[in-house]
Structures are given as structure tokens and as C-alpha cells.
Amino acid sequence: MRILTVTGYKPMELNIFKEDDPRITFIKAALEKRLVEFAEEGLEWVLISGQMGVELWTAEVVLDMKETYPVNLGIFPPFENQASRWPEALQEKYEGIIAVCDFYKPIYQGEYRGAFQFKAKNMWLADKSDGCLLLMDEEFPGSNRYFHEAAKGAGGNYPIYTITPADLDDVVEEVRMSDPDYWD
């Protein structure tokens, strides 16, 4: 797989309201674990829409991976200025990531005009990628359900990979066990 779309929950859907929440460390570790597997199999591009939460955390992981793997980050928001109503700290983080990503282009020029822009973004990302990775619990899909539906509509040859709550539990245990103090 050369091109992978990654998406998942927004922070408020995970009850995460601060950027220093320790759970973000585990989410990023789970994302990195999966992305490294893809990178070792030839992944060239990770595509996101740049929404806050899992997508921005993915961007940070991909940017860190660049030191070891030749993977590129493409950001395709549904419209310009998507972060304009976000908290200031997240706006700054978003702008910083846009400044260093490998490719950035809004799908629609101009401001938000309607929900159709989000639907078109989901279909575009599914169409332009070889598969997707979703951090999602199928019992509680949240806003992920819209991209998940677009991915399922992309056809039977479009692989949908997930990071589930059980996968996150495994990563939490792996991270804890890698701490030398855990064994004392």
C-alpha cells in the first residue's frame, strides 16, 4: 500500500480536552505502531484532512517517522480556514503542521459552505488512497461513521484497517512494560 488515509475521533469524542492528556501518548504509540508496519511494507503517503484529534496526532507521528522512513504527509481539509473556530493552541499547532507537511491543499476554496464539503472530503480521501486506518470502536463510531461509510462505498478492494479499544489496551500494556520501573 502506497497511500493511506488515517482518521479517527476528535478529542472531545474521547473526553480529551487538553493537549497534555496522558492518553494522547498511548493513542500516538498505537498510531506509530501501525504506521511503522505500513512504512516497512512500502507506504509512501499518509493523507489526513487535518481535523483535530487523531488526525493531528497522526501528523505529529508521521513527521517524527520521517527521520527513519521515507513517508510523506498530505493534508487535504474540506475548506480553507477549517481551524478558525478551534481553540487558539490547536490553531497554532495546525498552522505549524501545515507549514512542514509535504503537501497541503483544501478540497474546496473559500470558507465553510455546507455539510456537502465534509461528504466530498470523505469520498475524495477514499478515492485517492489505497486503504485507510481508522481509530474507531464500531459500537460507538462517533463522527468516524461518515468516513467509514465512504470507505465501505469505495469498493471491495479498499482495505479498512482499524485501531480498536482492545488495540489501545495492548499498547498501554506494552508501553507500561517497556518502563524499567514497571518490573521493580
C-alpha atoms as a PDB file:
ATOM      1  CA  MET A   1       0.000   0.000   0.000  1.00  0.00           C
ATOM      2  CA  ARG A   2       1.480   3.286  -1.105  1.00  0.00           C
ATOM      3  CA  ILE A   3      -1.167   5.794   0.047  1.00  0.00           C
ATOM      4  CA  LEU A   4      -3.067   5.514   3.338  1.00  0.00           C
ATOM      5  CA  THR A   5      -5.790   7.776   4.707  1.00  0.00           C
ATOM      6  CA  VAL A   6      -5.817   7.999   8.509  1.00  0.00           C
ATOM      7  CA  THR A   7      -8.659   9.372  10.588  1.00  0.00           C
ATOM      8  CA  GLY A   8     -10.389   8.863  13.887  1.00  0.00           C
ATOM      9  CA  TYR A   9     -12.084  10.607  16.742  1.00  0.00           C
ATOM     10  CA  LYS A  10     -11.982  14.275  17.568  1.00  0.00           C
ATOM     11  CA  PRO A  11     -10.580  14.901  21.069  1.00  0.00           C
ATOM     12  CA  MET A  12     -13.950  15.733  22.631  1.00  0.00           C
ATOM     13  CA  GLU A  13     -15.331  12.379  21.415  1.00  0.00           C
ATOM     14  CA  LEU A  14     -12.636  10.759  23.572  1.00  0.00           C
ATOM     15  CA  ASN A  15     -13.252  13.113  26.504  1.00  0.00           C
ATOM     16  CA  ILE A  16      -9.824  14.642  25.907  1.00  0.00           C
ATOM     17  CA  PHE A  17      -9.856  18.380  26.474  1.00  0.00           C
ATOM     18  CA  LYS A  18      -6.176  19.216  26.993  1.00  0.00           C
ATOM     19  CA  GLU A  19      -3.185  18.614  24.754  1.00  0.00           C
ATOM     20  CA  ASP A  20      -1.181  17.239  27.685  1.00  0.00           C
ATOM     21  CA  ASP A  21      -3.684  14.453  28.426  1.00  0.00           C
ATOM     22  CA  PRO A  22      -1.592  11.297  29.013  1.00  0.00           C
ATOM     23  CA  ARG A  23      -3.970   9.205  26.882  1.00  0.00           C
ATOM     24  CA  ILE A  24      -2.707  11.016  23.789  1.00  0.00           C
ATOM     25  CA  THR A  25       0.689   9.349  24.331  1.00  0.00           C
ATOM     26  CA  PHE A  26      -0.936   5.913  24.065  1.00  0.00           C
ATOM     27  CA  ILE A  27      -3.003   6.871  21.016  1.00  0.00           C
ATOM     28  CA  LYS A  28       0.112   8.180  19.259  1.00  0.00           C
ATOM     29  CA  ALA A  29       2.007   4.992  20.193  1.00  0.00           C
ATOM     30  CA  ALA A  30      -0.786   2.881  18.664  1.00  0.00           C
ATOM     31  CA  LEU A  31      -0.761   5.010  15.507  1.00  0.00           C
ATOM     32  CA  GLU A  32       3.024   4.794  15.247  1.00  0.00           C
ATOM     33  CA  LYS A  33       2.992   1.018  15.696  1.00  0.00           C
ATOM     34  CA  ARG A  34       0.593   0.582  12.771  1.00  0.00           C
ATOM     35  CA  LEU A  35       2.171   3.244  10.559  1.00  0.00           C
ATOM     36  CA  VAL A  36       5.646   1.734  11.003  1.00  0.00           C
ATOM     37  CA  GLU A  37       4.244  -1.615   9.828  1.00  0.00           C
ATOM     38  CA  PHE A  38       2.849   0.074   6.715  1.00  0.00           C
ATOM     39  CA  ALA A  39       6.078   2.055   6.170  1.00  0.00           C
ATOM     40  CA  GLU A  40       8.128  -1.132   6.295  1.00  0.00           C
ATOM     41  CA  GLU A  41       5.866  -2.531   3.562  1.00  0.00           C
ATOM     42  CA  GLY A  42       6.356   0.491   1.273  1.00  0.00           C
ATOM     43  CA  LEU A  43       3.957   3.191   2.498  1.00  0.00           C
ATOM     44  CA  GLU A  44       4.796   6.478   0.764  1.00  0.00           C
ATOM     45  CA  TRP A  45       1.996   8.868   1.726  1.00  0.00           C
ATOM     46  CA  VAL A  46      -0.286   9.390   4.710  1.00  0.00           C
ATOM     47  CA  LEU A  47      -3.330  11.529   3.919  1.00  0.00           C
ATOM     48  CA  ILE A  48      -5.410  13.378   6.505  1.00  0.00           C
ATOM     49  CA  SER A  49      -7.955  16.179   6.418  1.00  0.00           C
ATOM     50  CA  GLY A  50      -6.242  17.855   9.355  1.00  0.00           C
ATOM     51  CA  GLN A  51      -9.132  17.699  11.789  1.00  0.00           C
ATOM     52  CA  MET A  52      -8.238  17.999  15.452  1.00  0.00           C
ATOM     53  CA  GLY A  53      -7.675  14.832  17.430  1.00  0.00           C
ATOM     54  CA  VAL A  54      -6.496  11.610  15.825  1.00  0.00           C
ATOM     55  CA  GLU A  55      -5.600  13.298  12.530  1.00  0.00           C
ATOM     56  CA  LEU A  56      -3.348  15.953  14.062  1.00  0.00           C
ATOM     57  CA  TRP A  57      -1.777  13.321  16.318  1.00  0.00           C
ATOM     58  CA  THR A  58      -1.183  11.212  13.198  1.00  0.00           C
ATOM     59  CA  ALA A  59       0.511  14.188  11.564  1.00  0.00           C
ATOM     60  CA  GLU A  60       2.874  14.506  14.525  1.00  0.00           C
ATOM     61  CA  VAL A  61       3.670  10.787  14.370  1.00  0.00           C
ATOM     62  CA  VAL A  62       4.345  10.907  10.615  1.00  0.00           C
ATOM     63  CA  LEU A  63       6.574  13.957  10.965  1.00  0.00           C
ATOM     64  CA  ASP A  64       8.578  12.123  13.656  1.00  0.00           C
ATOM     65  CA  MET A  65       8.788   8.999  11.462  1.00  0.00           C
ATOM     66  CA  LYS A  66      10.402  10.981   8.630  1.00  0.00           C
ATOM     67  CA  GLU A  67      13.760  10.631  10.379  1.00  0.00           C
ATOM     68  CA  THR A  68      13.634   6.871   9.782  1.00  0.00           C
ATOM     69  CA  TYR A  69      11.142   6.248   6.949  1.00  0.00           C
ATOM     70  CA  PRO A  70      10.600   7.996   3.602  1.00  0.00           C
ATOM     71  CA  VAL A  71       6.929   8.687   4.301  1.00  0.00           C
ATOM     72  CA  ASN A  72       5.165  11.887   3.244  1.00  0.00           C
ATOM     73  CA  LEU A  73       2.274  13.761   4.851  1.00  0.00           C
ATOM     74  CA  GLY A  74      -0.542  15.238   2.755  1.00  0.00           C
ATOM     75  CA  ILE A  75      -3.219  17.408   4.342  1.00  0.00           C
ATOM     76  CA  PHE A  76      -6.487  17.980   2.479  1.00  0.00           C
ATOM     77  CA  PRO A  77      -9.005  19.909   4.593  1.00  0.00           C
ATOM     78  CA  PRO A  78     -12.572  20.175   3.299  1.00  0.00           C
ATOM     79  CA  PHE A  79     -12.290  24.001   3.029  1.00  0.00           C
ATOM     80  CA  GLU A  80      -9.898  26.834   3.846  1.00  0.00           C
ATOM     81  CA  ASN A  81      -9.554  28.060   7.427  1.00  0.00           C
ATOM     82  CA  GLN A  82     -11.086  24.909   8.917  1.00  0.00           C
ATOM     83  CA  ALA A  83      -9.338  25.658  12.218  1.00  0.00           C
ATOM     84  CA  SER A  84     -10.708  29.197  12.536  1.00  0.00           C
ATOM     85  CA  ARG A  85     -13.124  28.250  15.334  1.00  0.00           C
ATOM     86  CA  TRP A  86     -10.762  25.943  17.194  1.00  0.00           C
ATOM     87  CA  PRO A  87      -9.039  26.861  20.472  1.00  0.00           C
ATOM     88  CA  GLU A  88      -6.031  29.097  19.822  1.00  0.00           C
ATOM     89  CA  ALA A  89      -3.465  26.481  20.899  1.00  0.00           C
ATOM     90  CA  LEU A  90      -4.876  23.965  18.404  1.00  0.00           C
ATOM     91  CA  GLN A  91      -4.951  26.589  15.658  1.00  0.00           C
ATOM     92  CA  GLU A  92      -1.245  27.233  16.238  1.00  0.00           C
ATOM     93  CA  LYS A  93      -0.492  23.509  16.224  1.00  0.00           C
ATOM     94  CA  TYR A  94      -2.453  23.084  12.973  1.00  0.00           C
ATOM     95  CA  GLU A  95      -0.661  26.002  11.294  1.00  0.00           C
ATOM     96  CA  GLY A  96       2.714  24.606  12.403  1.00  0.00           C
ATOM     97  CA  ILE A  97       1.913  21.189  10.932  1.00  0.00           C
ATOM     98  CA  ILE A  98       0.693  22.731   7.667  1.00  0.00           C
ATOM     99  CA  ALA A  99       3.958  24.670   7.442  1.00  0.00           C
ATOM    100  CA  VAL A 100       6.077  21.492   7.493  1.00  0.00           C
ATOM    101  CA  CYS A 101       3.864  18.895   5.776  1.00  0.00           C
ATOM    102  CA  ASP A 102       4.787  17.657   2.313  1.00  0.00           C
ATOM    103  CA  PHE A 103       1.574  18.737   0.602  1.00  0.00           C
ATOM    104  CA  TYR A 104      -1.365  20.897   1.628  1.00  0.00           C
ATOM    105  CA  LYS A 105      -4.431  21.773  -0.421  1.00  0.00           C
ATOM    106  CA  PRO A 106      -8.017  22.410   0.681  1.00  0.00           C
ATOM    107  CA  ILE A 107     -10.553  20.433  -1.326  1.00  0.00           C
ATOM    108  CA  TYR A 108     -12.807  23.496  -1.624  1.00  0.00           C
ATOM    109  CA  GLN A 109     -11.534  27.043  -1.937  1.00  0.00           C
ATOM    110  CA  GLY A 110     -13.094  29.532   0.461  1.00  0.00           C
ATOM    111  CA  GLU A 111     -14.832  29.185   3.785  1.00  0.00           C
ATOM    112  CA  TYR A 112     -17.298  26.590   5.050  1.00  0.00           C
ATOM    113  CA  ARG A 113     -20.401  26.495   2.851  1.00  0.00           C
ATOM    114  CA  GLY A 114     -22.165  23.321   3.945  1.00  0.00           C
ATOM    115  CA  ALA A 115     -22.036  19.723   5.098  1.00  0.00           C
ATOM    116  CA  PHE A 116     -21.567  18.636   1.475  1.00  0.00           C
ATOM    117  CA  GLN A 117     -17.912  19.690   1.840  1.00  0.00           C
ATOM    118  CA  PHE A 118     -17.329  17.066   4.542  1.00  0.00           C
ATOM    119  CA  LYS A 119     -19.028  14.363   2.471  1.00  0.00           C
ATOM    120  CA  ALA A 120     -16.951  15.306  -0.582  1.00  0.00           C
ATOM    121  CA  LYS A 121     -13.778  15.288   1.559  1.00  0.00           C
ATOM    122  CA  ASN A 122     -14.513  11.755   2.769  1.00  0.00           C
ATOM    123  CA  MET A 123     -15.198  10.486  -0.741  1.00  0.00           C
ATOM    124  CA  TRP A 124     -12.101  12.240  -2.111  1.00  0.00           C
ATOM    125  CA  LEU A 125      -9.800  10.786   0.568  1.00  0.00           C
ATOM    126  CA  ALA A 126     -11.182   7.277   0.000  1.00  0.00           C
ATOM    127  CA  ASP A 127     -10.791   7.688  -3.757  1.00  0.00           C
ATOM    128  CA  LYS A 128      -7.203   8.978  -3.597  1.00  0.00           C
ATOM    129  CA  SER A 129      -5.849   6.380  -1.177  1.00  0.00           C
ATOM    130  CA  ASP A 130      -5.171   2.655  -1.382  1.00  0.00           C
ATOM    131  CA  GLY A 131      -6.738   1.990   2.037  1.00  0.00           C
ATOM    132  CA  CYS A 132      -7.457   3.589   5.383  1.00  0.00           C
ATOM    133  CA  LEU A 133      -6.602   3.300   9.047  1.00  0.00           C
ATOM    134  CA  LEU A 134      -9.316   4.332  11.498  1.00  0.00           C
ATOM    135  CA  LEU A 135      -9.098   4.667  15.245  1.00  0.00           C
ATOM    136  CA  MET A 136     -12.644   3.550  15.887  1.00  0.00           C
ATOM    137  CA  ASP A 137     -14.899   1.487  18.090  1.00  0.00           C
ATOM    138  CA  GLU A 138     -17.634   0.138  15.804  1.00  0.00           C
ATOM    139  CA  GLU A 139     -20.101   0.150  18.715  1.00  0.00           C
ATOM    140  CA  PHE A 140     -19.524   3.893  19.211  1.00  0.00           C
ATOM    141  CA  PRO A 141     -18.350   5.208  15.829  1.00  0.00           C
ATOM    142  CA  GLY A 142     -18.948   8.904  16.534  1.00  0.00           C
ATOM    143  CA  SER A 143     -18.087  11.190  13.631  1.00  0.00           C
ATOM    144  CA  ASN A 144     -15.932   8.377  12.199  1.00  0.00           C
ATOM    145  CA  ARG A 145     -19.035   6.735  10.803  1.00  0.00           C
ATOM    146  CA  TYR A 146     -19.131   9.180   7.881  1.00  0.00           C
ATOM    147  CA  PHE A 147     -15.644   8.351   6.627  1.00  0.00           C
ATOM    148  CA  HIS A 148     -16.224   4.668   7.418  1.00  0.00           C
ATOM    149  CA  GLU A 149     -19.310   4.718   5.167  1.00  0.00           C
ATOM    150  CA  ALA A 150     -17.350   6.415   2.379  1.00  0.00           C
ATOM    151  CA  ALA A 151     -14.569   3.837   2.760  1.00  0.00           C
ATOM    152  CA  LYS A 152     -17.046   0.957   2.570  1.00  0.00           C
ATOM    153  CA  GLY A 153     -18.529   2.581  -0.536  1.00  0.00           C
ATOM    154  CA  ALA A 154     -15.088   2.697  -2.174  1.00  0.00           C
ATOM    155  CA  GLY A 155     -15.457  -0.937  -3.175  1.00  0.00           C
ATOM    156  CA  GLY A 156     -14.389  -4.369  -2.037  1.00  0.00           C
ATOM    157  CA  ASN A 157     -10.731  -3.777  -2.910  1.00  0.00           C
ATOM    158  CA  TYR A 158     -10.406  -0.872  -0.463  1.00  0.00           C
ATOM    159  CA  PRO A 159      -8.932  -2.206   2.800  1.00  0.00           C
ATOM    160  CA  ILE A 160     -10.200  -0.693   6.038  1.00  0.00           C
ATOM    161  CA  TYR A 161      -7.808  -1.182   8.964  1.00  0.00           C
ATOM    162  CA  THR A 162      -8.801  -0.205  12.471  1.00  0.00           C
ATOM    163  CA  ILE A 163      -7.247   0.548  15.811  1.00  0.00           C
ATOM    164  CA  THR A 164      -9.806  -0.658  18.339  1.00  0.00           C
ATOM    165  CA  PRO A 165     -10.131  -0.099  22.087  1.00  0.00           C
ATOM    166  CA  ALA A 166      -8.566  -3.564  22.563  1.00  0.00           C
ATOM    167  CA  ASP A 167      -5.581  -2.475  20.429  1.00  0.00           C
ATOM    168  CA  LEU A 168      -5.206   0.623  22.606  1.00  0.00           C
ATOM    169  CA  ASP A 169      -5.289  -1.550  25.730  1.00  0.00           C
ATOM    170  CA  ASP A 170      -2.489  -3.673  24.259  1.00  0.00           C
ATOM    171  CA  VAL A 171      -0.398  -0.576  23.513  1.00  0.00           C
ATOM    172  CA  VAL A 172      -0.948   0.774  27.033  1.00  0.00           C
ATOM    173  CA  GLU A 173       0.343  -2.529  28.428  1.00  0.00           C
ATOM    174  CA  GLU A 174       3.324  -2.569  26.021  1.00  0.00           C
ATOM    175  CA  VAL A 175       4.282   0.987  26.979  1.00  0.00           C
ATOM    176  CA  ARG A 176       3.974   0.220  30.686  1.00  0.00           C
ATOM    177  CA  MET A 177       6.016  -2.969  30.354  1.00  0.00           C
ATOM    178  CA  SER A 178       8.765  -1.116  28.473  1.00  0.00           C
ATOM    179  CA  ASP A 179       9.232   1.139  31.513  1.00  0.00           C
ATOM    180  CA  PRO A 180      12.050  -0.342  33.674  1.00  0.00           C
ATOM    181  CA  ASP A 181      10.229   0.801  36.831  1.00  0.00           C
ATOM    182  CA  TYR A 182       7.320  -1.461  35.901  1.00  0.00           C
ATOM    183  CA  TRP A 183       9.384  -4.521  36.811  1.00  0.00           C
ATOM    184  CA  ASP A 184      10.573  -3.253  40.209  1.00  0.00           C
END
